[in-house]
Amino acid sequence: MLAFLLQISVAATHLASSKRAMSLSMGITTALIISVMTPLALNVCQYSGLLQVSKMPFEEVYGILSEQFSDDR
């Protein structure tokens, strides 16, 4: 559905090169971006759900990088 609406916004710009068509295209594209990004941003706990992802590799990399780039050398 998102791809279909995005195609309509692109087609509207190509069919009529008016400022109104371009504004409509920008509005549709912005609304689609917001509608996709909002659920992703509201996902508070990224490491739980159907697919369990371990935080351990990220914590190990963070530990190594914080040791390398600390000011206490």
Protein backbone atom coordinates (compact mmCIF):
# COMPACT_ATOMS: atom_id res chain seq x y z
CA MET A 1 0.00 0.00 0.00
CA LEU A 2 2.84 2.38 0.85
CA ALA A 3 4.59 1.69 -2.44
CA PHE A 4 1.36 2.26 -4.36
CA LEU A 5 0.78 5.64 -2.72
CA LEU A 6 4.39 6.63 -3.34
CA GLN A 7 3.98 5.74 -7.02
CA ILE A 8 0.89 7.95 -7.17
CA SER A 9 2.83 10.85 -5.69
CA VAL A 10 5.61 10.41 -8.26
CA ALA A 11 3.13 10.05 -11.11
CA ALA A 12 1.30 13.21 -10.06
CA THR A 13 4.51 15.19 -10.41
CA HIS A 14 5.33 13.71 -13.81
CA LEU A 15 1.86 14.16 -15.26
CA ALA A 16 1.43 17.78 -14.26
CA SER A 17 4.45 19.93 -13.56
CA SER A 18 2.48 22.44 -11.54
CA LYS A 19 3.37 23.58 -8.05
CA ARG A 20 0.16 22.03 -6.78
CA ALA A 21 1.17 18.56 -8.03
CA MET A 22 4.63 18.92 -6.54
CA SER A 23 3.16 20.03 -3.21
CA LEU A 24 0.81 17.04 -3.26
CA SER A 25 3.73 14.73 -4.00
CA MET A 26 5.80 16.16 -1.16
CA GLY A 27 2.83 15.90 1.20
CA ILE A 28 2.15 12.27 0.33
CA THR A 29 5.82 11.34 0.61
CA THR A 30 6.15 13.10 3.97
CA ALA A 31 3.03 11.40 5.30
CA LEU A 32 4.34 8.01 4.17
CA ILE A 33 7.71 8.57 5.83
CA ILE A 34 6.02 9.61 9.07
CA SER A 35 3.64 6.64 8.95
CA VAL A 36 6.58 4.25 8.59
CA MET A 37 8.93 5.90 11.09
CA THR A 38 6.38 6.42 13.90
CA PRO A 39 5.86 2.72 14.76
CA LEU A 40 9.61 2.18 14.60
CA ALA A 41 10.25 5.10 16.95
CA LEU A 42 7.54 3.98 19.37
CA ASN A 43 9.06 0.52 19.72
CA VAL A 44 10.49 1.08 23.18
CA CYS A 45 12.12 -2.26 23.84
CA GLN A 46 13.92 -3.25 20.66
CA TYR A 47 15.44 -6.40 22.12
CA SER A 48 12.20 -8.20 22.91
CA GLY A 49 9.42 -9.56 20.76
CA LEU A 50 9.05 -12.48 18.41
CA LEU A 51 12.68 -12.36 17.30
CA GLN A 52 14.92 -12.18 20.33
CA VAL A 53 18.13 -10.23 19.72
CA SER A 54 20.97 -10.42 22.20
CA LYS A 55 22.50 -7.15 23.43
CA MET A 56 25.73 -8.88 24.42
CA PRO A 57 27.68 -8.30 21.14
CA PHE A 58 26.77 -4.61 21.19
CA GLU A 59 27.83 -4.29 24.82
CA GLU A 60 31.16 -6.01 24.11
CA VAL A 61 31.90 -3.70 21.17
CA TYR A 62 30.92 -0.69 23.26
CA GLY A 63 33.24 -1.84 26.04
CA ILE A 64 36.17 -2.30 23.66
CA LEU A 65 35.59 1.06 21.99
CA SER A 66 35.17 2.89 25.29
CA GLU A 67 38.49 1.43 26.49
CA GLN A 68 40.28 2.46 23.28
CA PHE A 69 38.92 5.99 23.14
CA SER A 70 38.91 6.86 26.82
CA ASP A 71 40.88 9.89 28.02
CA ASP A 72 42.65 7.90 30.76
CA ARG A 73 45.43 6.53 28.52
